[in-house]
Amino acid sequence: MLFGIICQHHDYRLCFELNHALNLSLERTGDLELTLNKGKDKIKTSRFEYKDGFGNEYFILTNKTSNGLFIAEYKNIDYFFMVREPVPMHEMLQLEKQLRTIPVVLGAYHLEPEKIKTGERFIF
């Protein structure tokens, strides 16, 4: 499950708010670095991660980096919130509503990774 989040605050502030609102413990882990264009370009995005006791994994990835966009086709999205575990539709809709109630979140939208041209970047 993947959401695009619009937020004008720093990544650590967004994660603090997500942790509080969703009862998570997102922590910064090593940056995710991608090599593009046959090794000519690199994109480095900050990554926050949390694994709960039920096998669910949660990630925040920054879209806007110093080297460009992590996912260029979503230039208006500031962050990607990913949950690695199949989630029923009603839970996905509930999570989307919860994200939109967080004060620092200006917008939250469900995205389908398989419809994103560079969706393979979410496989790590």
C-alpha atoms as a PDB file:
ATOM      1  CA  MET A   1       0.000   0.000   0.000  1.00  0.00           C
ATOM      2  CA  LEU A   2       1.410   3.355  -1.027  1.00  0.00           C
ATOM      3  CA  PHE A   3       0.377   6.926  -0.262  1.00  0.00           C
ATOM      4  CA  GLY A   4       1.683  10.196  -1.573  1.00  0.00           C
ATOM      5  CA  ILE A   5       1.836  12.885   1.095  1.00  0.00           C
ATOM      6  CA  ILE A   6       2.003  16.631   0.644  1.00  0.00           C
ATOM      7  CA  CYS A   7       3.730  18.239   3.628  1.00  0.00           C
ATOM      8  CA  GLN A   8       5.852  21.381   3.812  1.00  0.00           C
ATOM      9  CA  HIS A   9       7.671  20.298   6.974  1.00  0.00           C
ATOM     10  CA  HIS A  10      10.950  18.412   7.339  1.00  0.00           C
ATOM     11  CA  ASP A  11      10.876  14.627   7.210  1.00  0.00           C
ATOM     12  CA  TYR A  12      11.583  14.223  10.921  1.00  0.00           C
ATOM     13  CA  ARG A  13       8.597  16.444  11.795  1.00  0.00           C
ATOM     14  CA  LEU A  14       6.279  14.456   9.526  1.00  0.00           C
ATOM     15  CA  CYS A  15       7.466  11.201  11.105  1.00  0.00           C
ATOM     16  CA  PHE A  16       6.948  12.600  14.595  1.00  0.00           C
ATOM     17  CA  GLU A  17       3.355  13.450  13.689  1.00  0.00           C
ATOM     18  CA  LEU A  18       2.767  10.067  12.013  1.00  0.00           C
ATOM     19  CA  ASN A  19       4.172   8.271  15.055  1.00  0.00           C
ATOM     20  CA  HIS A  20       1.826  10.174  17.320  1.00  0.00           C
ATOM     21  CA  ALA A  21      -1.307   9.881  15.153  1.00  0.00           C
ATOM     22  CA  LEU A  22      -0.889   6.263  14.016  1.00  0.00           C
ATOM     23  CA  ASN A  23       0.877   4.816  17.064  1.00  0.00           C
ATOM     24  CA  LEU A  24       4.040   3.993  15.097  1.00  0.00           C
ATOM     25  CA  SER A  25       7.733   4.306  15.923  1.00  0.00           C
ATOM     26  CA  LEU A  26       9.225   5.439  12.636  1.00  0.00           C
ATOM     27  CA  GLU A  27      12.993   5.939  12.925  1.00  0.00           C
ATOM     28  CA  ARG A  28      15.527   7.173  10.423  1.00  0.00           C
ATOM     29  CA  THR A  29      17.545   4.389   8.846  1.00  0.00           C
ATOM     30  CA  GLY A  30      20.233   4.530   6.192  1.00  0.00           C
ATOM     31  CA  ASP A  31      19.396   6.633   3.162  1.00  0.00           C
ATOM     32  CA  LEU A  32      18.135   4.819   0.079  1.00  0.00           C
ATOM     33  CA  GLU A  33      20.503   5.432  -2.829  1.00  0.00           C
ATOM     34  CA  LEU A  34      19.590   4.608  -6.421  1.00  0.00           C
ATOM     35  CA  THR A  35      21.919   4.561  -9.385  1.00  0.00           C
ATOM     36  CA  LEU A  36      20.263   5.713 -12.602  1.00  0.00           C
ATOM     37  CA  ASN A  37      21.156   6.136 -16.268  1.00  0.00           C
ATOM     38  CA  LYS A  38      23.656   3.261 -16.319  1.00  0.00           C
ATOM     39  CA  GLY A  39      25.589   4.581 -13.333  1.00  0.00           C
ATOM     40  CA  LYS A  40      25.770   8.214 -14.415  1.00  0.00           C
ATOM     41  CA  ASP A  41      23.301   9.635 -11.893  1.00  0.00           C
ATOM     42  CA  LYS A  42      22.472   8.896  -8.269  1.00  0.00           C
ATOM     43  CA  ILE A  43      19.433   9.807  -6.228  1.00  0.00           C
ATOM     44  CA  LYS A  44      19.663   9.627  -2.457  1.00  0.00           C
ATOM     45  CA  THR A  45      16.459   9.817  -0.440  1.00  0.00           C
ATOM     46  CA  SER A  46      16.007   9.781   3.318  1.00  0.00           C
ATOM     47  CA  ARG A  47      14.233   6.727   4.677  1.00  0.00           C
ATOM     48  CA  PHE A  48      12.345   6.193   7.919  1.00  0.00           C
ATOM     49  CA  GLU A  49      11.230   2.726   8.903  1.00  0.00           C
ATOM     50  CA  TYR A  50       9.186   0.861  11.495  1.00  0.00           C
ATOM     51  CA  LYS A  51       8.415  -2.852  11.872  1.00  0.00           C
ATOM     52  CA  ASP A  52       5.570  -3.788  14.176  1.00  0.00           C
ATOM     53  CA  GLY A  53       5.069  -7.076  16.016  1.00  0.00           C
ATOM     54  CA  PHE A  54       2.643  -8.358  13.358  1.00  0.00           C
ATOM     55  CA  GLY A  55       5.081  -8.416  10.438  1.00  0.00           C
ATOM     56  CA  ASN A  56       3.982  -5.078   8.965  1.00  0.00           C
ATOM     57  CA  GLU A  57       6.665  -2.720   7.707  1.00  0.00           C
ATOM     58  CA  TYR A  58       6.136   1.025   7.379  1.00  0.00           C
ATOM     59  CA  PHE A  59       8.358   3.396   5.405  1.00  0.00           C
ATOM     60  CA  ILE A  60       8.582   7.114   4.714  1.00  0.00           C
ATOM     61  CA  LEU A  61      10.648   8.111   1.684  1.00  0.00           C
ATOM     62  CA  THR A  62      11.418  11.674   0.643  1.00  0.00           C
ATOM     63  CA  ASN A  63      10.437  12.470  -2.939  1.00  0.00           C
ATOM     64  CA  LYS A  64      12.284  15.783  -3.274  1.00  0.00           C
ATOM     65  CA  THR A  65      16.019  15.249  -2.959  1.00  0.00           C
ATOM     66  CA  SER A  66      19.067  17.405  -3.628  1.00  0.00           C
ATOM     67  CA  ASN A  67      19.632  15.463  -6.885  1.00  0.00           C
ATOM     68  CA  GLY A  68      16.063  15.646  -8.181  1.00  0.00           C
ATOM     69  CA  LEU A  69      12.886  13.699  -7.598  1.00  0.00           C
ATOM     70  CA  PHE A  70      12.713  10.108  -6.391  1.00  0.00           C
ATOM     71  CA  ILE A  71       9.564   9.629  -8.506  1.00  0.00           C
ATOM     72  CA  ALA A  72       9.550  12.392 -11.147  1.00  0.00           C
ATOM     73  CA  GLU A  73       5.973  11.810 -12.288  1.00  0.00           C
ATOM     74  CA  TYR A  74       4.745  12.919  -8.842  1.00  0.00           C
ATOM     75  CA  LYS A  75       6.489  16.276  -8.600  1.00  0.00           C
ATOM     76  CA  ASN A  76       3.817  17.668  -6.231  1.00  0.00           C
ATOM     77  CA  ILE A  77       4.278  14.844  -3.704  1.00  0.00           C
ATOM     78  CA  ASP A  78       6.759  15.548  -0.912  1.00  0.00           C
ATOM     79  CA  TYR A  79       6.824  12.115   0.751  1.00  0.00           C
ATOM     80  CA  PHE A  80       5.789   8.534   0.111  1.00  0.00           C
ATOM     81  CA  PHE A  81       4.297   6.473   2.924  1.00  0.00           C
ATOM     82  CA  MET A  82       4.482   2.775   2.220  1.00  0.00           C
ATOM     83  CA  VAL A  83       3.056  -0.164   4.164  1.00  0.00           C
ATOM     84  CA  ARG A  84       4.527  -3.492   3.150  1.00  0.00           C
ATOM     85  CA  GLU A  85       1.766  -5.942   3.882  1.00  0.00           C
ATOM     86  CA  PRO A  86      -1.514  -6.506   2.087  1.00  0.00           C
ATOM     87  CA  VAL A  87      -4.236  -4.427   3.690  1.00  0.00           C
ATOM     88  CA  PRO A  88      -8.003  -4.769   3.097  1.00  0.00           C
ATOM     89  CA  MET A  89      -9.653  -1.901   1.199  1.00  0.00           C
ATOM     90  CA  HIS A  90     -11.630  -0.638   4.206  1.00  0.00           C
ATOM     91  CA  GLU A  91      -8.410  -0.380   6.267  1.00  0.00           C
ATOM     92  CA  MET A  92      -6.662   1.435   3.411  1.00  0.00           C
ATOM     93  CA  LEU A  93      -9.490   3.982   3.240  1.00  0.00           C
ATOM     94  CA  GLN A  94      -9.416   4.411   7.013  1.00  0.00           C
ATOM     95  CA  LEU A  95      -5.646   4.973   6.957  1.00  0.00           C
ATOM     96  CA  GLU A  96      -6.025   7.545   4.178  1.00  0.00           C
ATOM     97  CA  LYS A  97      -8.585   9.435   6.300  1.00  0.00           C
ATOM     98  CA  GLN A  98      -6.272   9.289   9.321  1.00  0.00           C
ATOM     99  CA  LEU A  99      -3.366  10.673   7.294  1.00  0.00           C
ATOM    100  CA  ARG A 100      -5.484  13.598   6.151  1.00  0.00           C
ATOM    101  CA  THR A 101      -6.344  14.537   9.752  1.00  0.00           C
ATOM    102  CA  ILE A 102      -2.690  15.027  10.743  1.00  0.00           C
ATOM    103  CA  PRO A 103      -2.128  18.791  11.102  1.00  0.00           C
ATOM    104  CA  VAL A 104       1.134  18.954   9.077  1.00  0.00           C
ATOM    105  CA  VAL A 105      -0.304  16.870   6.200  1.00  0.00           C
ATOM    106  CA  LEU A 106      -1.803  19.077   3.493  1.00  0.00           C
ATOM    107  CA  GLY A 107      -2.886  16.110   1.373  1.00  0.00           C
ATOM    108  CA  ALA A 108      -2.655  12.302   1.298  1.00  0.00           C
ATOM    109  CA  TYR A 109      -3.476  10.173  -1.725  1.00  0.00           C
ATOM    110  CA  HIS A 110      -3.526   6.451  -2.303  1.00  0.00           C
ATOM    111  CA  LEU A 111      -1.212   5.468  -5.184  1.00  0.00           C
ATOM    112  CA  GLU A 112      -0.855   2.228  -7.097  1.00  0.00           C
ATOM    113  CA  PRO A 113       2.863   1.362  -7.500  1.00  0.00           C
ATOM    114  CA  GLU A 114       2.193  -0.910 -10.485  1.00  0.00           C
ATOM    115  CA  LYS A 115       0.845   2.097 -12.406  1.00  0.00           C
ATOM    116  CA  ILE A 116       3.920   4.238 -11.733  1.00  0.00           C
ATOM    117  CA  LYS A 117       6.498   4.194 -14.537  1.00  0.00           C
ATOM    118  CA  THR A 118       9.357   4.005 -12.068  1.00  0.00           C
ATOM    119  CA  GLY A 119       7.450   1.943  -9.502  1.00  0.00           C
ATOM    120  CA  GLU A 120      10.306  -0.556  -9.239  1.00  0.00           C
ATOM    121  CA  ARG A 121      12.077   2.032  -7.058  1.00  0.00           C
ATOM    122  CA  PHE A 122       9.803   0.966  -4.217  1.00  0.00           C
ATOM    123  CA  ILE A 123      11.341  -2.506  -4.266  1.00  0.00           C
ATOM    124  CA  PHE A 124      14.245  -2.533  -1.817  1.00  0.00           C
END
